[in-house]
Amino acid sequence: MRYMVFVKMAEDVGAPPDELVEVMGKEMGEAFASGWMVDAGGLYPTGQSTEIRVAAGDLTVTDGPYSEVKEVVGGYSIVEVRSEEEAVAAARRVAEIHQAHWPTWEGSVEVRRIAGPDDGPPGAG
């Protein structure tokens, strides 16, 4: 099963501490080497993004930044694991590393299963 793990935070938190970058780099290197991490990366700020929205039959294109945004996805990873529990454990580890090596950081780590070709459309619940 594949899961996407999102690291979400306020956009104006600044650069992460060097120690966090070092520890996350080591952890991700091990995860890639073991084969359970498929992809990962940080995302550029919303000031360098574009949103295409459809609402009430209208399509609008808006360049960032977006003043109404409270929390953004700052990074992601895709993991291939045997169970949801493994995906949640991996995401918890990311949160614990942030907590330990960036004490002022506040945010969340979200885990969502990726629908495979044999799964059909993901359900709403």
PDB file of N, CA and C in Angstrom:
ATOM      1  N   MET A   1       0.839  -1.171   0.000  1.00  0.00           N
ATOM      2  CA  MET A   1       0.000   0.000   0.000  1.00  0.00           C
ATOM      3  C   MET A   1       0.890   1.242   0.000  1.00  0.00           C
ATOM      4  N   ARG A   2       0.471   2.211  -0.766  1.00  0.00           N
ATOM      5  CA  ARG A   2       1.192   3.479  -0.796  1.00  0.00           C
ATOM      6  C   ARG A   2       0.412   4.543  -0.033  1.00  0.00           C
ATOM      7  N   TYR A   3       1.177   5.361   0.663  1.00  0.00           N
ATOM      8  CA  TYR A   3       0.615   6.478   1.410  1.00  0.00           C
ATOM      9  C   TYR A   3       1.407   7.731   1.095  1.00  0.00           C
ATOM     10  N   MET A   4       0.721   8.862   1.117  1.00  0.00           N
ATOM     11  CA  MET A   4       1.391  10.145   1.004  1.00  0.00           C
ATOM     12  C   MET A   4       1.373  10.776   2.387  1.00  0.00           C
ATOM     13  N   VAL A   5       2.533  11.266   2.786  1.00  0.00           N
ATOM     14  CA  VAL A   5       2.684  11.911   4.080  1.00  0.00           C
ATOM     15  C   VAL A   5       2.981  13.383   3.816  1.00  0.00           C
ATOM     16  N   PHE A   6       2.147  14.260   4.353  1.00  0.00           N
ATOM     17  CA  PHE A   6       2.293  15.706   4.175  1.00  0.00           C
ATOM     18  C   PHE A   6       2.787  16.325   5.474  1.00  0.00           C
ATOM     19  N   VAL A   7       3.785  17.193   5.389  1.00  0.00           N
ATOM     20  CA  VAL A   7       4.218  17.977   6.540  1.00  0.00           C
ATOM     21  C   VAL A   7       3.647  19.374   6.345  1.00  0.00           C
ATOM     22  N   LYS A   8       2.767  19.792   7.274  1.00  0.00           N
ATOM     23  CA  LYS A   8       2.073  21.070   7.135  1.00  0.00           C
ATOM     24  C   LYS A   8       2.481  22.011   8.259  1.00  0.00           C
ATOM     25  N   MET A   9       2.610  23.298   7.896  1.00  0.00           N
ATOM     26  CA  MET A   9       3.035  24.304   8.864  1.00  0.00           C
ATOM     27  C   MET A   9       2.663  25.687   8.367  1.00  0.00           C
ATOM     28  N   ALA A  10       2.820  26.667   9.229  1.00  0.00           N
ATOM     29  CA  ALA A  10       2.671  28.056   8.796  1.00  0.00           C
ATOM     30  C   ALA A  10       3.780  28.336   7.790  1.00  0.00           C
ATOM     31  N   GLU A  11       3.479  29.130   6.801  1.00  0.00           N
ATOM     32  CA  GLU A  11       4.457  29.366   5.740  1.00  0.00           C
ATOM     33  C   GLU A  11       5.617  30.256   6.180  1.00  0.00           C
ATOM     34  N   ASP A  12       5.413  31.054   7.200  1.00  0.00           N
ATOM     35  CA  ASP A  12       6.430  32.025   7.597  1.00  0.00           C
ATOM     36  C   ASP A  12       7.317  31.540   8.744  1.00  0.00           C
ATOM     37  N   VAL A  13       7.512  30.234   8.887  1.00  0.00           N
ATOM     38  CA  VAL A  13       8.302  29.714  10.005  1.00  0.00           C
ATOM     39  C   VAL A  13       9.808  29.897   9.817  1.00  0.00           C
ATOM     40  N   GLY A  14      10.222  30.215   8.620  1.00  0.00           N
ATOM     41  CA  GLY A  14      11.644  30.392   8.365  1.00  0.00           C
ATOM     42  C   GLY A  14      12.325  29.087   8.012  1.00  0.00           C
ATOM     43  N   ALA A  15      13.629  29.181   7.858  1.00  0.00           N
ATOM     44  CA  ALA A  15      14.416  28.009   7.478  1.00  0.00           C
ATOM     45  C   ALA A  15      14.556  27.060   8.660  1.00  0.00           C
ATOM     46  N   PRO A  16      14.547  25.763   8.375  1.00  0.00           N
ATOM     47  CA  PRO A  16      14.713  24.798   9.468  1.00  0.00           C
ATOM     48  C   PRO A  16      16.139  24.831  10.003  1.00  0.00           C
ATOM     49  N   PRO A  17      16.318  24.458  11.265  1.00  0.00           N
ATOM     50  CA  PRO A  17      17.661  24.388  11.827  1.00  0.00           C
ATOM     51  C   PRO A  17      18.515  23.350  11.099  1.00  0.00           C
ATOM     52  N   ASP A  18      19.803  23.595  11.038  1.00  0.00           N
ATOM     53  CA  ASP A  18      20.722  22.671  10.364  1.00  0.00           C
ATOM     54  C   ASP A  18      20.632  21.260  10.942  1.00  0.00           C
ATOM     55  N   GLU A  19      20.479  21.165  12.254  1.00  0.00           N
ATOM     56  CA  GLU A  19      20.395  19.854  12.905  1.00  0.00           C
ATOM     57  C   GLU A  19      19.186  19.062  12.394  1.00  0.00           C
ATOM     58  N   LEU A  20      18.057  19.730  12.219  1.00  0.00           N
ATOM     59  CA  LEU A  20      16.870  19.057  11.693  1.00  0.00           C
ATOM     60  C   LEU A  20      17.136  18.561  10.276  1.00  0.00           C
ATOM     61  N   VAL A  21      17.716  19.408   9.451  1.00  0.00           N
ATOM     62  CA  VAL A  21      18.021  19.027   8.069  1.00  0.00           C
ATOM     63  C   VAL A  21      18.939  17.807   8.047  1.00  0.00           C
ATOM     64  N   GLU A  22      19.939  17.810   8.908  1.00  0.00           N
ATOM     65  CA  GLU A  22      20.887  16.695   8.975  1.00  0.00           C
ATOM     66  C   GLU A  22      20.195  15.395   9.390  1.00  0.00           C
ATOM     67  N   VAL A  23      19.400  15.450  10.452  1.00  0.00           N
ATOM     68  CA  VAL A  23      18.722  14.251  10.953  1.00  0.00           C
ATOM     69  C   VAL A  23      17.700  13.744   9.933  1.00  0.00           C
ATOM     70  N   MET A  24      16.919  14.654   9.349  1.00  0.00           N
ATOM     71  CA  MET A  24      15.936  14.234   8.345  1.00  0.00           C
ATOM     72  C   MET A  24      16.633  13.633   7.127  1.00  0.00           C
ATOM     73  N   GLY A  25      17.768  14.221   6.718  1.00  0.00           N
ATOM     74  CA  GLY A  25      18.510  13.672   5.596  1.00  0.00           C
ATOM     75  C   GLY A  25      18.981  12.252   5.857  1.00  0.00           C
ATOM     76  N   LYS A  26      19.470  12.005   7.063  1.00  0.00           N
ATOM     77  CA  LYS A  26      19.915  10.656   7.436  1.00  0.00           C
ATOM     78  C   LYS A  26      18.738   9.681   7.439  1.00  0.00           C
ATOM     79  N   GLU A  27      17.645  10.076   8.071  1.00  0.00           N
ATOM     80  CA  GLU A  27      16.459   9.215   8.143  1.00  0.00           C
ATOM     81  C   GLU A  27      15.922   8.901   6.739  1.00  0.00           C
ATOM     82  N   MET A  28      15.856   9.931   5.896  1.00  0.00           N
ATOM     83  CA  MET A  28      15.333   9.721   4.549  1.00  0.00           C
ATOM     84  C   MET A  28      16.287   8.855   3.729  1.00  0.00           C
ATOM     85  N   GLY A  29      17.587   9.041   3.905  1.00  0.00           N
ATOM     86  CA  GLY A  29      18.553   8.198   3.209  1.00  0.00           C
ATOM     87  C   GLY A  29      18.360   6.735   3.550  1.00  0.00           C
ATOM     88  N   GLU A  30      18.174   6.456   4.835  1.00  0.00           N
ATOM     89  CA  GLU A  30      17.928   5.079   5.269  1.00  0.00           C
ATOM     90  C   GLU A  30      16.608   4.550   4.720  1.00  0.00           C
ATOM     91  N   ALA A  31      15.584   5.390   4.691  1.00  0.00           N
ATOM     92  CA  ALA A  31      14.279   4.962   4.188  1.00  0.00           C
ATOM     93  C   ALA A  31      14.331   4.666   2.689  1.00  0.00           C
ATOM     94  N   PHE A  32      15.046   5.490   1.934  1.00  0.00           N
ATOM     95  CA  PHE A  32      15.212   5.232   0.501  1.00  0.00           C
ATOM     96  C   PHE A  32      16.017   3.949   0.282  1.00  0.00           C
ATOM     97  N   ALA A  33      17.078   3.773   1.058  1.00  0.00           N
ATOM     98  CA  ALA A  33      17.936   2.589   0.917  1.00  0.00           C
ATOM     99  C   ALA A  33      17.171   1.306   1.222  1.00  0.00           C
ATOM    100  N   SER A  34      16.267   1.371   2.193  1.00  0.00           N
ATOM    101  CA  SER A  34      15.492   0.175   2.545  1.00  0.00           C
ATOM    102  C   SER A  34      14.359  -0.088   1.561  1.00  0.00           C
ATOM    103  N   GLY A  35      14.022   0.919   0.753  1.00  0.00           N
ATOM    104  CA  GLY A  35      13.010   0.732  -0.288  1.00  0.00           C
ATOM    105  C   GLY A  35      11.599   1.131   0.084  1.00  0.00           C
ATOM    106  N   TRP A  36      11.350   1.483   1.342  1.00  0.00           N
ATOM    107  CA  TRP A  36       9.955   1.815   1.673  1.00  0.00           C
ATOM    108  C   TRP A  36       9.603   3.260   1.396  1.00  0.00           C
ATOM    109  N   MET A  37      10.591   4.147   1.248  1.00  0.00           N
ATOM    110  CA  MET A  37      10.289   5.514   0.823  1.00  0.00           C
ATOM    111  C   MET A  37      10.490   5.582  -0.686  1.00  0.00           C
ATOM    112  N   VAL A  38       9.442   5.980  -1.379  1.00  0.00           N
ATOM    113  CA  VAL A  38       9.440   6.002  -2.838  1.00  0.00           C
ATOM    114  C   VAL A  38       9.868   7.361  -3.378  1.00  0.00           C
ATOM    115  N   ASP A  39       9.427   8.433  -2.730  1.00  0.00           N
ATOM    116  CA  ASP A  39       9.725   9.791  -3.190  1.00  0.00           C
ATOM    117  C   ASP A  39       9.533  10.740  -2.010  1.00  0.00           C
ATOM    118  N   ALA A  40      10.206  11.869  -2.059  1.00  0.00           N
ATOM    119  CA  ALA A  40      10.056  12.870  -1.008  1.00  0.00           C
ATOM    120  C   ALA A  40      10.621  14.190  -1.507  1.00  0.00           C
ATOM    121  N   GLY A  41      10.151  15.272  -0.917  1.00  0.00           N
ATOM    122  CA  GLY A  41      10.695  16.570  -1.279  1.00  0.00           C
ATOM    123  C   GLY A  41      10.041  17.690  -0.505  1.00  0.00           C
ATOM    124  N   GLY A  42      10.708  18.813  -0.508  1.00  0.00           N
ATOM    125  CA  GLY A  42      10.144  20.022   0.051  1.00  0.00           C
ATOM    126  C   GLY A  42       9.465  20.810  -1.054  1.00  0.00           C
ATOM    127  N   LEU A  43       8.553  21.666  -0.691  1.00  0.00           N
ATOM    128  CA  LEU A  43       7.815  22.447  -1.681  1.00  0.00           C
ATOM    129  C   LEU A  43       8.176  23.922  -1.578  1.00  0.00           C
ATOM    130  N   TYR A  44       8.244  24.576  -2.716  1.00  0.00           N
ATOM    131  CA  TYR A  44       8.502  26.008  -2.752  1.00  0.00           C
ATOM    132  C   TYR A  44       7.326  26.743  -2.105  1.00  0.00           C
ATOM    133  N   PRO A  45       7.542  27.975  -1.664  1.00  0.00           N
ATOM    134  CA  PRO A  45       6.459  28.730  -1.016  1.00  0.00           C
ATOM    135  C   PRO A  45       5.311  29.058  -1.974  1.00  0.00           C
ATOM    136  N   THR A  46       4.166  29.380  -1.383  1.00  0.00           N
ATOM    137  CA  THR A  46       2.986  29.672  -2.210  1.00  0.00           C
ATOM    138  C   THR A  46       3.177  30.906  -3.077  1.00  0.00           C
ATOM    139  N   GLY A  47       4.133  31.755  -2.744  1.00  0.00           N
ATOM    140  CA  GLY A  47       4.439  32.906  -3.590  1.00  0.00           C
ATOM    141  C   GLY A  47       4.935  32.489  -4.963  1.00  0.00           C
ATOM    142  N   GLN A  48       5.331  31.238  -5.083  1.00  0.00           N
ATOM    143  CA  GLN A  48       5.796  30.701  -6.358  1.00  0.00           C
ATOM    144  C   GLN A  48       4.850  29.606  -6.853  1.00  0.00           C
ATOM    145  N   SER A  49       3.574  29.785  -6.581  1.00  0.00           N
ATOM    146  CA  SER A  49       2.587  28.788  -6.992  1.00  0.00           C
ATOM    147  C   SER A  49       1.427  29.448  -7.734  1.00  0.00           C
ATOM    148  N   THR A  50       0.650  28.616  -8.377  1.00  0.00           N
ATOM    149  CA  THR A  50      -0.560  29.052  -9.070  1.00  0.00           C
ATOM    150  C   THR A  50      -1.680  28.089  -8.710  1.00  0.00           C
ATOM    151  N   GLU A  51      -2.837  28.629  -8.412  1.00  0.00           N
ATOM    152  CA  GLU A  51      -4.011  27.819  -8.105  1.00  0.00           C
ATOM    153  C   GLU A  51      -5.035  28.000  -9.220  1.00  0.00           C
ATOM    154  N   ILE A  52      -5.551  26.888  -9.707  1.00  0.00           N
ATOM    155  CA  ILE A  52      -6.643  26.907 -10.685  1.00  0.00           C
ATOM    156  C   ILE A  52      -7.862  26.358  -9.959  1.00  0.00           C
ATOM    157  N   ARG A  53      -8.897  27.171  -9.847  1.00  0.00           N
ATOM    158  CA  ARG A  53     -10.077  26.807  -9.065  1.00  0.00           C
ATOM    159  C   ARG A  53     -11.316  26.841  -9.953  1.00  0.00           C
ATOM    160  N   VAL A  54     -12.197  25.855  -9.721  1.00  0.00           N
ATOM    161  CA  VAL A  54     -13.502  25.841 -10.374  1.00  0.00           C
ATOM    162  C   VAL A  54     -14.549  25.970  -9.281  1.00  0.00           C
ATOM    163  N   ALA A  55     -15.394  26.992  -9.389  1.00  0.00           N
ATOM    164  CA  ALA A  55     -16.463  27.217  -8.414  1.00  0.00           C
ATOM    165  C   ALA A  55     -17.634  27.877  -9.126  1.00  0.00           C
ATOM    166  N   ALA A  56     -18.812  27.369  -8.853  1.00  0.00           N
ATOM    167  CA  ALA A  56     -20.042  27.915  -9.437  1.00  0.00           C
ATOM    168  C   ALA A  56     -19.936  28.028 -10.956  1.00  0.00           C
ATOM    169  N   GLY A  57     -19.285  27.053 -11.566  1.00  0.00           N
ATOM    170  CA  GLY A  57     -19.190  27.027 -13.014  1.00  0.00           C
ATOM    171  C   GLY A  57     -18.107  27.922 -13.597  1.00  0.00           C
ATOM    172  N   ASP A  58     -17.382  28.657 -12.758  1.00  0.00           N
ATOM    173  CA  ASP A  58     -16.321  29.548 -13.238  1.00  0.00           C
ATOM    174  C   ASP A  58     -14.963  28.960 -12.928  1.00  0.00           C
ATOM    175  N   LEU A  59     -14.037  29.182 -13.832  1.00  0.00           N
ATOM    176  CA  LEU A  59     -12.660  28.758 -13.634  1.00  0.00           C
ATOM    177  C   LEU A  59     -11.813  30.008 -13.439  1.00  0.00           C
ATOM    178  N   THR A  60     -11.055  30.047 -12.331  1.00  0.00           N
ATOM    179  CA  THR A  60     -10.185  31.187 -12.075  1.00  0.00           C
ATOM    180  C   THR A  60      -8.760  30.690 -11.846  1.00  0.00           C
ATOM    181  N   VAL A  61      -7.816  31.489 -12.257  1.00  0.00           N
ATOM    182  CA  VAL A  61      -6.405  31.195 -12.061  1.00  0.00           C
ATOM    183  C   VAL A  61      -5.835  32.305 -11.188  1.00  0.00           C
ATOM    184  N   THR A  62      -5.218  31.924 -10.070  1.00  0.00           N
ATOM    185  CA  THR A  62      -4.680  32.895  -9.122  1.00  0.00           C
ATOM    186  C   THR A  62      -3.232  32.545  -8.817  1.00  0.00           C
ATOM    187  N   ASP A  63      -2.362  33.522  -8.948  1.00  0.00           N
ATOM    188  CA  ASP A  63      -0.973  33.329  -8.555  1.00  0.00           C
ATOM    189  C   ASP A  63      -0.837  33.624  -7.066  1.00  0.00           C
ATOM    190  N   GLY A  64       0.009  32.850  -6.394  1.00  0.00           N
ATOM    191  CA  GLY A  64       0.268  33.051  -4.975  1.00  0.00           C
ATOM    192  C   GLY A  64       1.147  34.265  -4.762  1.00  0.00           C
ATOM    193  N   PRO A  65       1.313  34.674  -3.544  1.00  0.00           N
ATOM    194  CA  PRO A  65       0.873  34.007  -2.313  1.00  0.00           C
ATOM    195  C   PRO A  65      -0.601  34.259  -2.027  1.00  0.00           C
ATOM    196  N   TYR A  66      -1.136  33.476  -1.122  1.00  0.00           N
ATOM    197  CA  TYR A  66      -2.553  33.542  -0.790  1.00  0.00           C
ATOM    198  C   TYR A  66      -2.698  34.012   0.651  1.00  0.00           C
ATOM    199  N   SER A  67      -3.249  35.166   0.829  1.00  0.00           N
ATOM    200  CA  SER A  67      -3.330  35.770   2.165  1.00  0.00           C
ATOM    201  C   SER A  67      -4.210  34.971   3.118  1.00  0.00           C
ATOM    202  N   GLU A  68      -5.166  34.215   2.609  1.00  0.00           N
ATOM    203  CA  GLU A  68      -6.085  33.486   3.488  1.00  0.00           C
ATOM    204  C   GLU A  68      -5.513  32.166   3.990  1.00  0.00           C
ATOM    205  N   VAL A  69      -4.367  31.767   3.496  1.00  0.00           N
ATOM    206  CA  VAL A  69      -3.775  30.487   3.877  1.00  0.00           C
ATOM    207  C   VAL A  69      -3.190  30.579   5.284  1.00  0.00           C
ATOM    208  N   LYS A  70      -3.579  29.643   6.144  1.00  0.00           N
ATOM    209  CA  LYS A  70      -3.049  29.595   7.509  1.00  0.00           C
ATOM    210  C   LYS A  70      -1.913  28.582   7.616  1.00  0.00           C
ATOM    211  N   GLU A  71      -2.043  27.473   6.915  1.00  0.00           N
ATOM    212  CA  GLU A  71      -1.066  26.400   6.981  1.00  0.00           C
ATOM    213  C   GLU A  71      -0.879  25.840   5.577  1.00  0.00           C
ATOM    214  N   VAL A  72       0.361  25.553   5.213  1.00  0.00           N
ATOM    215  CA  VAL A  72       0.654  25.031   3.881  1.00  0.00           C
ATOM    216  C   VAL A  72       1.387  23.701   3.993  1.00  0.00           C
ATOM    217  N   VAL A  73       1.351  22.934   2.923  1.00  0.00           N
ATOM    218  CA  VAL A  73       2.157  21.724   2.847  1.00  0.00           C
ATOM    219  C   VAL A  73       3.571  22.168   2.498  1.00  0.00           C
ATOM    220  N   GLY A  74       4.507  21.918   3.406  1.00  0.00           N
ATOM    221  CA  GLY A  74       5.887  22.329   3.196  1.00  0.00           C
ATOM    222  C   GLY A  74       6.739  21.215   2.632  1.00  0.00           C
ATOM    223  N   GLY A  75       6.277  19.984   2.775  1.00  0.00           N
ATOM    224  CA  GLY A  75       7.020  18.842   2.270  1.00  0.00           C
ATOM    225  C   GLY A  75       6.116  17.628   2.190  1.00  0.00           C
ATOM    226  N   TYR A  76       6.606  16.619   1.509  1.00  0.00           N
ATOM    227  CA  TYR A  76       5.808  15.404   1.332  1.00  0.00           C
ATOM    228  C   TYR A  76       6.743  14.208   1.206  1.00  0.00           C
ATOM    229  N   SER A  77       6.203  13.042   1.409  1.00  0.00           N
ATOM    230  CA  SER A  77       6.882  11.811   1.043  1.00  0.00           C
ATOM    231  C   SER A  77       5.829  10.804   0.622  1.00  0.00           C
ATOM    232  N   ILE A  78       6.254   9.884  -0.209  1.00  0.00           N
ATOM    233  CA  ILE A  78       5.413   8.755  -0.598  1.00  0.00           C
ATOM    234  C   ILE A  78       6.101   7.513  -0.055  1.00  0.00           C
ATOM    235  N   VAL A  79       5.355   6.744   0.729  1.00  0.00           N
ATOM    236  CA  VAL A  79       5.914   5.539   1.324  1.00  0.00           C
ATOM    237  C   VAL A  79       5.126   4.320   0.857  1.00  0.00           C
ATOM    238  N   GLU A  80       5.835   3.212   0.721  1.00  0.00           N
ATOM    239  CA  GLU A  80       5.212   1.937   0.363  1.00  0.00           C
ATOM    240  C   GLU A  80       5.389   1.018   1.561  1.00  0.00           C
ATOM    241  N   VAL A  81       4.271   0.711   2.220  1.00  0.00           N
ATOM    242  CA  VAL A  81       4.298  -0.042   3.472  1.00  0.00           C
ATOM    243  C   VAL A  81       3.260  -1.160   3.438  1.00  0.00           C
ATOM    244  N   ARG A  82       3.314  -2.022   4.442  1.00  0.00           N
ATOM    245  CA  ARG A  82       2.379  -3.150   4.506  1.00  0.00           C
ATOM    246  C   ARG A  82       1.040  -2.792   5.122  1.00  0.00           C
ATOM    247  N   SER A  83       1.010  -1.698   5.908  1.00  0.00           N
ATOM    248  CA  SER A  83      -0.230  -1.372   6.626  1.00  0.00           C
ATOM    249  C   SER A  83      -0.309   0.120   6.901  1.00  0.00           C
ATOM    250  N   GLU A  84      -1.513   0.553   7.232  1.00  0.00           N
ATOM    251  CA  GLU A  84      -1.709   1.943   7.631  1.00  0.00           C
ATOM    252  C   GLU A  84      -0.928   2.247   8.904  1.00  0.00           C
ATOM    253  N   GLU A  85      -0.837   1.261   9.794  1.00  0.00           N
ATOM    254  CA  GLU A  85      -0.103   1.456  11.042  1.00  0.00           C
ATOM    255  C   GLU A  85       1.369   1.792  10.763  1.00  0.00           C
ATOM    256  N   GLU A  86       1.972   1.143   9.774  1.00  0.00           N
ATOM    257  CA  GLU A  86       3.358   1.454   9.415  1.00  0.00           C
ATOM    258  C   GLU A  86       3.474   2.873   8.870  1.00  0.00           C
ATOM    259  N   ALA A  87       2.508   3.284   8.066  1.00  0.00           N
ATOM    260  CA  ALA A  87       2.526   4.642   7.515  1.00  0.00           C
ATOM    261  C   ALA A  87       2.393   5.675   8.631  1.00  0.00           C
ATOM    262  N   VAL A  88       1.500   5.419   9.577  1.00  0.00           N
ATOM    263  CA  VAL A  88       1.303   6.334  10.695  1.00  0.00           C
ATOM    264  C   VAL A  88       2.561   6.372  11.573  1.00  0.00           C
ATOM    265  N   ALA A  89       3.197   5.231  11.784  1.00  0.00           N
ATOM    266  CA  ALA A  89       4.428   5.200  12.573  1.00  0.00           C
ATOM    267  C   ALA A  89       5.530   6.021  11.907  1.00  0.00           C
ATOM    268  N   ALA A  90       5.638   5.934  10.590  1.00  0.00           N
ATOM    269  CA  ALA A  90       6.637   6.713   9.850  1.00  0.00           C
ATOM    270  C   ALA A  90       6.335   8.207   9.969  1.00  0.00           C
ATOM    271  N   ALA A  91       5.073   8.572   9.841  1.00  0.00           N
ATOM    272  CA  ALA A  91       4.683   9.976   9.954  1.00  0.00           C
ATOM    273  C   ALA A  91       4.918  10.497  11.367  1.00  0.00           C
ATOM    274  N   ARG A  92       4.630   9.671  12.346  1.00  0.00           N
ATOM    275  CA  ARG A  92       4.872  10.060  13.742  1.00  0.00           C
ATOM    276  C   ARG A  92       6.360  10.326  13.958  1.00  0.00           C
ATOM    277  N   ARG A  93       7.213   9.512  13.351  1.00  0.00           N
ATOM    278  CA  ARG A  93       8.664   9.697  13.473  1.00  0.00           C
ATOM    279  C   ARG A  93       9.064  11.065  12.914  1.00  0.00           C
ATOM    280  N   VAL A  94       8.482  11.464  11.792  1.00  0.00           N
ATOM    281  CA  VAL A  94       8.757  12.785  11.211  1.00  0.00           C
ATOM    282  C   VAL A  94       8.372  13.876  12.207  1.00  0.00           C
ATOM    283  N   ALA A  95       7.192  13.754  12.816  1.00  0.00           N
ATOM    284  CA  ALA A  95       6.748  14.752  13.799  1.00  0.00           C
ATOM    285  C   ALA A  95       7.678  14.777  15.008  1.00  0.00           C
ATOM    286  N   GLU A  96       8.104  13.603  15.478  1.00  0.00           N
ATOM    287  CA  GLU A  96       9.006  13.541  16.623  1.00  0.00           C
ATOM    288  C   GLU A  96      10.362  14.176  16.317  1.00  0.00           C
ATOM    289  N   ILE A  97      10.871  13.972  15.112  1.00  0.00           N
ATOM    290  CA  ILE A  97      12.148  14.576  14.717  1.00  0.00           C
ATOM    291  C   ILE A  97      12.011  16.096  14.689  1.00  0.00           C
ATOM    292  N   HIS A  98      10.905  16.594  14.144  1.00  0.00           N
ATOM    293  CA  HIS A  98      10.677  18.041  14.141  1.00  0.00           C
ATOM    294  C   HIS A  98      10.592  18.568  15.577  1.00  0.00           C
ATOM    295  N   GLN A  99       9.873  17.865  16.422  1.00  0.00           N
ATOM    296  CA  GLN A  99       9.707  18.280  17.815  1.00  0.00           C
ATOM    297  C   GLN A  99      11.058  18.330  18.535  1.00  0.00           C
ATOM    298  N   ALA A 100      11.902  17.348  18.289  1.00  0.00           N
ATOM    299  CA  ALA A 100      13.184  17.256  18.983  1.00  0.00           C
ATOM    300  C   ALA A 100      14.226  18.248  18.462  1.00  0.00           C
ATOM    301  N   HIS A 101      14.201  18.510  17.160  1.00  0.00           N
ATOM    302  CA  HIS A 101      15.281  19.288  16.551  1.00  0.00           C
ATOM    303  C   HIS A 101      14.869  20.674  16.077  1.00  0.00           C
ATOM    304  N   TRP A 102      13.603  21.036  16.272  1.00  0.00           N
ATOM    305  CA  TRP A 102      13.114  22.379  15.960  1.00  0.00           C
ATOM    306  C   TRP A 102      12.047  22.711  16.993  1.00  0.00           C
ATOM    307  N   PRO A 103      12.464  22.945  18.254  1.00  0.00           N
ATOM    308  CA  PRO A 103      11.514  23.061  19.368  1.00  0.00           C
ATOM    309  C   PRO A 103      10.418  24.108  19.193  1.00  0.00           C
ATOM    310  N   THR A 104      10.665  25.152  18.408  1.00  0.00           N
ATOM    311  CA  THR A 104       9.639  26.186  18.229  1.00  0.00           C
ATOM    312  C   THR A 104       8.679  25.872  17.087  1.00  0.00           C
ATOM    313  N   TRP A 105       8.957  24.802  16.327  1.00  0.00           N
ATOM    314  CA  TRP A 105       8.114  24.452  15.179  1.00  0.00           C
ATOM    315  C   TRP A 105       6.746  23.994  15.648  1.00  0.00           C
ATOM    316  N   GLU A 106       5.723  24.453  14.949  1.00  0.00           N
ATOM    317  CA  GLU A 106       4.360  23.971  15.155  1.00  0.00           C
ATOM    318  C   GLU A 106       3.801  23.597  13.809  1.00  0.00           C
ATOM    319  N   GLY A 107       3.163  22.460  13.745  1.00  0.00           N
ATOM    320  CA  GLY A 107       2.594  22.005  12.487  1.00  0.00           C
ATOM    321  C   GLY A 107       1.953  20.646  12.668  1.00  0.00           C
ATOM    322  N   SER A 108       1.732  19.980  11.568  1.00  0.00           N
ATOM    323  CA  SER A 108       1.116  18.663  11.616  1.00  0.00           C
ATOM    324  C   SER A 108       1.672  17.799  10.487  1.00  0.00           C
ATOM    325  N   VAL A 109       1.511  16.510  10.669  1.00  0.00           N
ATOM    326  CA  VAL A 109       1.921  15.549   9.658  1.00  0.00           C
ATOM    327  C   VAL A 109       0.690  14.709   9.340  1.00  0.00           C
ATOM    328  N   GLU A 110       0.267  14.756   8.105  1.00  0.00           N
ATOM    329  CA  GLU A 110      -0.957  14.065   7.677  1.00  0.00           C
ATOM    330  C   GLU A 110      -0.595  12.846   6.843  1.00  0.00           C
ATOM    331  N   VAL A 111      -1.326  11.753   7.040  1.00  0.00           N
ATOM    332  CA  VAL A 111      -1.109  10.504   6.319  1.00  0.00           C
ATOM    333  C   VAL A 111      -2.363  10.192   5.512  1.00  0.00           C
ATOM    334  N   ARG A 112      -2.187  10.002   4.189  1.00  0.00           N
ATOM    335  CA  ARG A 112      -3.338   9.655   3.339  1.00  0.00           C
ATOM    336  C   ARG A 112      -2.960   8.552   2.383  1.00  0.00           C
ATOM    337  N   ARG A 113      -3.808   7.554   2.303  1.00  0.00           N
ATOM    338  CA  ARG A 113      -3.560   6.430   1.398  1.00  0.00           C
ATOM    339  C   ARG A 113      -3.733   6.889  -0.045  1.00  0.00           C
ATOM    340  N   ILE A 114      -2.889   6.368  -0.905  1.00  0.00           N
ATOM    341  CA  ILE A 114      -2.960   6.641  -2.336  1.00  0.00           C
ATOM    342  C   ILE A 114      -3.740   5.504  -2.980  1.00  0.00           C
ATOM    343  N   ALA A 115      -4.783   5.821  -3.722  1.00  0.00           N
ATOM    344  CA  ALA A 115      -5.583   4.796  -4.395  1.00  0.00           C
ATOM    345  C   ALA A 115      -4.771   4.205  -5.540  1.00  0.00           C
ATOM    346  N   GLY A 116      -4.721   2.899  -5.600  1.00  0.00           N
ATOM    347  CA  GLY A 116      -4.032   2.201  -6.675  1.00  0.00           C
ATOM    348  C   GLY A 116      -4.991   1.930  -7.818  1.00  0.00           C
ATOM    349  N   PRO A 117      -4.471   1.439  -8.954  1.00  0.00           N
ATOM    350  CA  PRO A 117      -5.321   1.213 -10.131  1.00  0.00           C
ATOM    351  C   PRO A 117      -6.417   0.176  -9.898  1.00  0.00           C
ATOM    352  N   ASP A 118      -6.216  -0.740  -8.960  1.00  0.00           N
ATOM    353  CA  ASP A 118      -7.227  -1.767  -8.691  1.00  0.00           C
ATOM    354  C   ASP A 118      -8.189  -1.390  -7.580  1.00  0.00           C
ATOM    355  N   ASP A 119      -7.987  -0.216  -6.967  1.00  0.00           N
ATOM    356  CA  ASP A 119      -8.812   0.196  -5.837  1.00  0.00           C
ATOM    357  C   ASP A 119     -10.125   0.841  -6.242  1.00  0.00           C
ATOM    358  N   GLY A 120     -10.225   1.334  -7.459  1.00  0.00           N
ATOM    359  CA  GLY A 120     -11.399   2.108  -7.841  1.00  0.00           C
ATOM    360  C   GLY A 120     -11.299   3.483  -7.230  1.00  0.00           C
ATOM    361  N   PRO A 121     -12.316   4.322  -7.445  1.00  0.00           N
ATOM    362  CA  PRO A 121     -12.284   5.673  -6.880  1.00  0.00           C
ATOM    363  C   PRO A 121     -12.272   5.627  -5.361  1.00  0.00           C
ATOM    364  N   PRO A 122     -11.449   6.464  -4.733  1.00  0.00           N
ATOM    365  CA  PRO A 122     -11.447   6.506  -3.272  1.00  0.00           C
ATOM    366  C   PRO A 122     -12.799   6.938  -2.741  1.00  0.00           C
ATOM    367  N   GLY A 123     -13.222   6.327  -1.643  1.00  0.00           N
ATOM    368  CA  GLY A 123     -14.502   6.678  -1.031  1.00  0.00           C
ATOM    369  C   GLY A 123     -14.405   7.968  -0.248  1.00  0.00           C
ATOM    370  N   ALA A 124     -15.534   8.558   0.023  1.00  0.00           N
ATOM    371  CA  ALA A 124     -15.569   9.824   0.761  1.00  0.00           C
ATOM    372  C   ALA A 124     -15.392   9.591   2.250  1.00  0.00           C
ATOM    373  N   GLY A 125     -15.593   8.391   2.734  1.00  0.00           N
ATOM    374  CA  GLY A 125     -15.542   8.189   4.169  1.00  0.00           C
ATOM    375  C   GLY A 125     -14.543   7.233   4.547  1.00  0.00           C
TER     376      GLY A 125
END
